[in-house]
N, C-alpha and C. Protein backbone atom coordinates (compact mmCIF):
# COMPACT_ATOMS: atom_id res chain seq x y z
N GLU A 1 5.08 -0.51 19.70
CA GLU A 1 4.03 -0.68 18.58
C GLU A 1 4.75 0.51 17.90
N VAL A 2 4.17 0.49 16.56
CA VAL A 2 4.25 0.94 15.42
C VAL A 2 2.64 1.89 14.64
N GLN A 3 3.11 3.17 14.69
CA GLN A 3 2.13 3.63 13.53
C GLN A 3 2.36 4.47 12.38
N LEU A 4 0.96 3.96 11.59
CA LEU A 4 1.41 4.24 10.14
C LEU A 4 0.81 5.15 9.60
N VAL A 5 0.97 6.23 8.62
CA VAL A 5 0.82 7.57 7.97
C VAL A 5 0.65 7.10 6.61
N GLU A 6 -1.10 7.06 5.29
CA GLU A 6 -0.45 6.75 4.50
C GLU A 6 -0.53 8.35 3.69
N SER A 7 0.25 8.61 2.58
CA SER A 7 -0.12 9.76 2.04
C SER A 7 0.28 9.38 0.76
N GLY A 8 -0.23 10.46 -0.81
CA GLY A 8 0.34 10.31 -1.98
C GLY A 8 -1.32 10.23 -2.70
N GLY A 9 -2.17 9.60 -2.28
CA GLY A 9 -3.38 9.83 -2.88
C GLY A 9 -3.64 10.87 -3.54
N GLY A 10 -4.96 10.84 -4.67
CA GLY A 10 -5.18 12.28 -5.25
C GLY A 10 -6.07 11.21 -6.16
N LEU A 11 -6.40 12.57 -7.56
CA LEU A 11 -6.67 12.13 -8.22
C LEU A 11 -5.58 11.98 -9.44
N VAL A 12 -5.96 10.92 -10.93
CA VAL A 12 -4.98 10.69 -12.10
C VAL A 12 -6.04 10.41 -13.06
N GLN A 13 -5.86 10.36 -14.59
CA GLN A 13 -6.35 10.03 -15.27
C GLN A 13 -5.96 8.54 -15.80
N THR A 14 -6.80 7.77 -15.96
CA THR A 14 -6.07 6.81 -16.63
C THR A 14 -4.88 6.94 -17.30
N GLY A 15 -4.05 5.57 -16.89
CA GLY A 15 -2.40 5.65 -17.74
C GLY A 15 -1.62 6.11 -16.97
N GLY A 16 -2.03 6.85 -15.84
CA GLY A 16 -1.39 7.67 -15.07
C GLY A 16 -0.40 7.12 -14.21
N SER A 17 0.08 7.83 -13.15
CA SER A 17 0.56 7.23 -12.25
C SER A 17 0.75 7.72 -10.63
N LEU A 18 0.89 7.28 -9.40
CA LEU A 18 1.08 7.70 -8.09
C LEU A 18 2.22 7.09 -7.41
N LYS A 19 2.18 7.67 -6.40
CA LYS A 19 3.42 7.20 -5.48
C LYS A 19 2.65 7.28 -4.58
N LEU A 20 2.54 6.21 -3.39
CA LEU A 20 1.77 6.75 -2.36
C LEU A 20 3.01 6.24 -0.97
N SER A 21 2.81 7.01 0.08
CA SER A 21 4.13 6.51 0.98
C SER A 21 2.89 6.18 2.35
N CYS A 22 3.98 5.04 2.95
CA CYS A 22 3.67 4.50 4.45
C CYS A 22 4.78 5.27 5.63
N VAL A 23 4.57 6.51 5.84
CA VAL A 23 5.68 6.12 7.08
C VAL A 23 5.05 5.66 8.34
N ALA A 24 5.92 5.22 8.71
CA ALA A 24 6.13 4.81 10.60
C ALA A 24 6.68 5.76 11.56
N SER A 25 5.99 6.01 12.57
CA SER A 25 6.81 6.15 14.26
C SER A 25 6.49 4.82 14.96
N GLY A 26 7.30 5.37 15.66
CA GLY A 26 7.16 4.55 17.21
C GLY A 26 8.14 3.33 17.00
N SER A 27 8.84 2.64 16.15
CA SER A 27 9.23 1.66 15.66
C SER A 27 10.22 1.87 14.56
N PRO A 28 11.21 1.38 14.10
CA PRO A 28 11.95 0.90 12.90
C PRO A 28 10.76 0.27 11.53
N ILE A 29 10.41 0.57 10.61
CA ILE A 29 9.59 0.56 10.12
C ILE A 29 9.94 -0.76 9.59
N ASP A 30 11.50 -1.36 8.84
CA ASP A 30 12.18 -2.15 8.84
C ASP A 30 12.07 -3.43 9.54
N ASP A 31 11.80 -3.33 10.85
CA ASP A 31 11.40 -4.74 11.69
C ASP A 31 10.25 -4.92 11.62
N TYR A 32 9.40 -4.74 10.14
CA TYR A 32 7.77 -4.82 9.74
C TYR A 32 7.74 -5.75 8.73
N ALA A 33 7.33 -6.62 8.01
CA ALA A 33 6.34 -6.41 7.20
C ALA A 33 5.39 -5.76 6.97
N ILE A 34 5.64 -4.84 6.08
CA ILE A 34 4.10 -4.32 5.27
C ILE A 34 3.57 -4.48 4.19
N GLY A 35 2.38 -4.30 3.88
CA GLY A 35 1.76 -4.68 3.12
C GLY A 35 0.74 -3.52 2.99
N TRP A 36 0.29 -3.50 2.15
CA TRP A 36 -0.79 -2.52 1.40
C TRP A 36 -2.15 -3.34 0.80
N PHE A 37 -2.84 -2.37 1.22
CA PHE A 37 -4.54 -2.82 0.84
C PHE A 37 -5.05 -1.86 -0.10
N ARG A 38 -6.45 -2.33 -0.72
CA ARG A 38 -7.34 -1.36 -0.74
C ARG A 38 -8.88 -1.90 -0.37
N GLN A 39 -9.35 -0.68 -0.30
CA GLN A 39 -11.11 -1.10 -0.45
C GLN A 39 -11.36 -0.12 -1.11
N ALA A 40 -12.62 -0.43 -2.08
CA ALA A 40 -13.56 0.29 -2.73
C ALA A 40 -15.06 0.57 -1.98
N PRO A 41 -15.69 1.19 -2.73
CA PRO A 41 -16.99 1.15 -1.12
C PRO A 41 -17.54 0.27 -1.68
N GLY A 42 -18.36 -0.04 -0.26
CA GLY A 42 -19.30 -1.47 -0.40
C GLY A 42 -18.46 -2.38 -0.53
N LYS A 43 -17.25 -2.66 -0.70
CA LYS A 43 -16.28 -4.13 -1.27
C LYS A 43 -15.54 -4.22 0.15
N GLU A 44 -14.69 -5.77 0.03
CA GLU A 44 -14.02 -5.76 1.18
C GLU A 44 -12.83 -5.10 0.54
N ARG A 45 -12.00 -5.44 1.27
CA ARG A 45 -10.53 -4.55 1.90
C ARG A 45 -10.00 -5.94 1.22
N GLU A 46 -8.73 -5.98 0.42
CA GLU A 46 -8.09 -6.48 -0.55
C GLU A 46 -6.90 -6.24 -0.61
N PRO A 47 -5.95 -7.21 -1.09
CA PRO A 47 -4.27 -7.35 -0.97
C PRO A 47 -3.81 -6.90 -2.26
N VAL A 48 -2.72 -5.74 -2.14
CA VAL A 48 -2.10 -4.84 -3.21
C VAL A 48 -0.59 -6.02 -3.48
N SER A 49 -0.17 -5.99 -1.83
CA SER A 49 1.35 -6.10 -2.41
C SER A 49 2.08 -6.00 -1.29
N TYR A 50 2.78 -6.66 -0.50
CA TYR A 50 3.67 -6.84 0.78
C TYR A 50 5.55 -7.35 0.65
N ILE A 51 5.84 -6.90 1.32
CA ILE A 51 7.17 -6.51 1.72
C ILE A 51 7.82 -7.49 2.56
N SER A 52 8.74 -8.35 3.18
CA SER A 52 9.05 -8.54 3.98
C SER A 52 9.99 -8.06 4.60
N VAL A 53 10.58 -8.26 5.86
CA VAL A 53 12.14 -7.66 6.39
C VAL A 53 12.93 -7.82 5.99
N SER A 54 12.93 -8.81 4.71
CA SER A 54 14.15 -9.99 4.14
C SER A 54 14.22 -8.94 2.70
N TYR A 55 12.83 -8.32 2.19
CA TYR A 55 13.00 -7.08 0.65
C TYR A 55 12.31 -8.36 0.18
N SER A 56 11.84 -9.61 0.41
CA SER A 56 10.83 -10.58 -0.79
C SER A 56 9.72 -9.28 -0.94
N ILE A 57 9.16 -9.33 -2.05
CA ILE A 57 7.92 -9.00 -2.40
C ILE A 57 6.93 -10.06 -3.16
N ILE A 58 5.57 -9.55 -2.92
CA ILE A 58 4.22 -10.37 -3.46
C ILE A 58 3.56 -9.80 -4.06
N TYR A 59 3.26 -9.24 -5.05
CA TYR A 59 2.33 -8.36 -5.70
C TYR A 59 1.20 -9.26 -6.17
N ASP A 60 -0.38 -8.62 -5.78
CA ASP A 60 -1.27 -9.07 -6.58
C ASP A 60 -1.48 -9.20 -8.38
N ASP A 61 -2.34 -10.20 -8.53
CA ASP A 61 -2.02 -10.49 -9.87
C ASP A 61 -2.12 -9.09 -10.64
N SER A 62 -3.55 -8.61 -10.22
CA SER A 62 -3.79 -6.89 -11.08
C SER A 62 -2.91 -6.32 -10.92
N VAL A 63 -2.07 -6.28 -10.27
CA VAL A 63 -0.88 -5.33 -10.11
C VAL A 63 0.23 -5.69 -10.58
N GLU A 64 0.44 -7.02 -11.16
CA GLU A 64 1.79 -6.98 -11.39
C GLU A 64 2.36 -6.34 -12.45
N GLY A 65 3.48 -6.14 -12.06
CA GLY A 65 3.98 -5.23 -13.47
C GLY A 65 4.01 -3.70 -13.51
N ARG A 66 2.64 -3.39 -12.82
CA ARG A 66 2.53 -2.18 -13.09
C ARG A 66 2.62 -1.19 -11.66
N PHE A 67 2.96 -2.01 -10.32
CA PHE A 67 2.99 -1.67 -9.46
C PHE A 67 4.39 -1.53 -8.85
N THR A 68 4.83 -1.11 -7.91
CA THR A 68 6.16 -1.42 -7.58
C THR A 68 6.36 -0.86 -6.04
N MET A 69 6.78 -1.88 -4.93
CA MET A 69 6.98 -1.36 -3.36
C MET A 69 8.33 -1.50 -3.24
N THR A 70 8.82 -0.54 -2.13
CA THR A 70 10.29 -0.04 -2.15
C THR A 70 9.87 0.16 -0.61
N ARG A 71 11.29 -0.08 0.13
CA ARG A 71 11.58 0.59 1.25
C ARG A 71 12.46 1.62 1.25
N HIS A 72 12.73 2.67 2.17
CA HIS A 72 13.49 3.88 2.30
C HIS A 72 13.49 4.06 3.26
N THR A 73 14.80 3.17 4.00
CA THR A 73 15.24 3.01 5.60
C THR A 73 15.37 4.35 6.05
N ALA A 74 16.04 5.16 5.86
CA ALA A 74 16.73 6.63 6.02
C ALA A 74 15.10 7.44 6.59
N LYS A 75 14.27 7.06 5.69
CA LYS A 75 12.56 8.02 6.11
C LYS A 75 11.67 6.88 7.06
N ASN A 76 11.98 5.81 7.18
CA ASN A 76 11.22 4.81 7.59
C ASN A 76 9.78 5.32 6.86
N THR A 77 10.23 4.69 5.84
CA THR A 77 8.90 4.77 4.44
C THR A 77 8.75 3.75 3.82
N VAL A 78 7.96 3.29 3.60
CA VAL A 78 7.42 2.31 2.16
C VAL A 78 6.79 3.11 1.35
N HIS A 79 6.76 2.31 0.37
CA HIS A 79 6.84 3.30 -0.81
C HIS A 79 5.87 2.72 -1.84
N LEU A 80 4.66 2.84 -2.59
CA LEU A 80 3.87 1.69 -3.63
C LEU A 80 3.70 3.25 -4.85
N GLU A 81 4.87 2.37 -5.71
CA GLU A 81 4.74 3.49 -6.70
C GLU A 81 3.86 2.52 -7.92
N MET A 82 2.33 3.40 -8.44
CA MET A 82 1.64 2.51 -9.41
C MET A 82 1.71 3.51 -10.57
N ASN A 83 1.74 2.49 -11.46
CA ASN A 83 1.55 2.41 -12.92
C ASN A 83 0.74 2.23 -14.31
N SER A 84 0.61 3.17 -14.82
CA SER A 84 -0.37 2.56 -15.82
C SER A 84 -1.83 2.18 -14.83
N LEU A 85 -2.29 3.49 -14.81
CA LEU A 85 -3.43 2.77 -13.66
C LEU A 85 -4.72 3.04 -14.76
N LYS A 86 -5.30 2.11 -14.00
CA LYS A 86 -6.89 1.63 -14.59
C LYS A 86 -8.40 2.32 -13.75
N PRO A 87 -9.07 2.79 -15.00
CA PRO A 87 -10.12 3.35 -14.47
C PRO A 87 -11.10 2.53 -13.35
N GLU A 88 -11.41 3.04 -12.25
CA GLU A 88 -11.81 2.11 -11.65
C GLU A 88 -12.63 2.97 -10.11
N ASN A 89 -13.87 2.22 -9.67
CA ASN A 89 -13.97 2.61 -8.60
C ASN A 89 -12.82 3.57 -7.47
N PRO A 90 -13.33 4.62 -7.18
CA PRO A 90 -12.19 4.98 -5.68
C PRO A 90 -12.04 3.55 -4.67
N ALA A 91 -11.01 3.82 -4.26
CA ALA A 91 -10.49 2.72 -3.14
C ALA A 91 -9.73 3.85 -2.76
N VAL A 92 -9.65 3.33 -0.94
CA VAL A 92 -8.90 3.56 -0.54
C VAL A 92 -7.97 2.69 -0.17
N TYR A 93 -6.67 3.26 -0.03
CA TYR A 93 -5.34 2.65 0.19
C TYR A 93 -4.50 2.77 1.35
N TYR A 94 -4.76 1.03 1.99
CA TYR A 94 -4.12 1.48 3.60
C TYR A 94 -2.73 0.37 3.38
N CYS A 95 -2.19 0.83 3.99
CA CYS A 95 -0.58 0.13 4.78
C CYS A 95 -0.66 -0.51 5.75
N ALA A 96 -0.39 -1.67 6.33
CA ALA A 96 -0.45 -2.34 7.19
C ALA A 96 0.94 -3.19 7.78
N ALA A 97 1.09 -3.65 8.62
CA ALA A 97 2.81 -3.94 9.20
C ALA A 97 2.13 -5.30 10.51
N ASP A 98 3.00 -6.18 10.57
CA ASP A 98 3.12 -6.83 10.94
C ASP A 98 2.26 -8.15 10.92
N GLY A 99 2.29 -8.55 9.89
CA GLY A 99 1.55 -9.91 9.23
C GLY A 99 2.19 -10.48 7.81
N TRP A 100 1.53 -11.19 6.99
CA TRP A 100 1.78 -11.40 5.30
C TRP A 100 0.69 -12.59 4.92
N GLY A 101 0.40 -12.09 3.76
CA GLY A 101 -1.09 -12.86 3.04
C GLY A 101 -1.75 -11.85 3.16
N PRO A 102 -2.82 -12.04 2.25
CA PRO A 102 -4.09 -11.48 1.58
C PRO A 102 -4.86 -11.36 2.90
N LEU A 103 -5.04 -11.99 3.82
CA LEU A 103 -5.80 -11.79 5.05
C LEU A 103 -5.93 -10.87 5.81
N VAL A 104 -6.87 -10.00 6.23
CA VAL A 104 -6.34 -9.25 6.77
C VAL A 104 -6.49 -8.63 8.20
N THR A 105 -6.94 -10.15 8.42
CA THR A 105 -7.39 -9.86 9.66
C THR A 105 -5.80 -10.82 10.63
N VAL A 106 -4.95 -11.04 9.64
CA VAL A 106 -3.63 -11.35 9.99
C VAL A 106 -2.67 -10.25 10.51
N TRP A 107 -2.75 -9.30 10.20
CA TRP A 107 -2.16 -8.06 9.90
C TRP A 107 -2.45 -6.61 11.25
N GLU A 108 -1.19 -6.64 12.04
CA GLU A 108 -1.27 -6.53 13.66
C GLU A 108 -2.04 -4.60 13.63
N PHE A 109 -1.20 -3.99 12.98
CA PHE A 109 -1.07 -2.21 12.97
C PHE A 109 -1.61 -1.81 11.15
N TRP A 110 -2.52 -0.67 11.45
CA TRP A 110 -2.75 -0.01 10.16
C TRP A 110 -2.83 1.08 10.12
N GLY A 111 -2.63 1.87 9.16
CA GLY A 111 -3.28 3.32 8.68
C GLY A 111 -4.53 3.95 8.50
N GLN A 112 -4.58 5.08 8.32
CA GLN A 112 -5.63 5.20 8.28
C GLN A 112 -6.36 5.70 6.56
N GLY A 113 -5.34 5.44 5.71
CA GLY A 113 -5.38 4.80 4.28
C GLY A 113 -5.42 6.70 3.65
N THR A 114 -5.54 6.12 2.30
CA THR A 114 -5.41 7.26 2.00
C THR A 114 -6.16 7.26 0.10
N LEU A 115 -6.79 7.80 -0.43
CA LEU A 115 -7.86 8.16 -1.26
C LEU A 115 -6.87 7.91 -2.72
N VAL A 116 -7.50 7.05 -3.52
CA VAL A 116 -7.24 7.14 -5.29
C VAL A 116 -8.05 6.66 -5.83
N THR A 117 -8.43 7.57 -6.86
CA THR A 117 -9.28 7.93 -7.71
C THR A 117 -8.75 8.00 -8.97
N VAL A 118 -8.85 6.80 -9.81
CA VAL A 118 -8.70 7.05 -11.54
C VAL A 118 -9.56 7.41 -12.55
N SER A 119 -9.72 8.18 -13.19
CA SER A 119 -10.97 8.88 -13.95
C SER A 119 -10.58 8.07 -15.10
N SER A 120 -11.68 7.73 -16.02
CA SER A 120 -11.48 7.69 -17.18
C SER A 120 -11.53 8.59 -18.44
């Protein structure tokens, strides 16, 4: 079983950048597909991107070209680099393991989330 801990969230201005990290413990993170999701207050959790064990990556249309997901095997970490951030309501970003696709229920393991706020 894998445990996930996210970090890197914070307050950033429109157009700025943040780099989120998802650190795994208990198992090698490269054994799992990893997904990033976000959830704004009062809204459903929605997919951002996911990376397979073979390094195939899918991005939601809303972040395509602005966000980049990478694996850092030596640190047992997956990063989500977010550029050209747009003003939006605060959202908690979650990483998840052992699943695939946009359905939250398909993913087996979840971190506690990290809050991202983009100011206008």
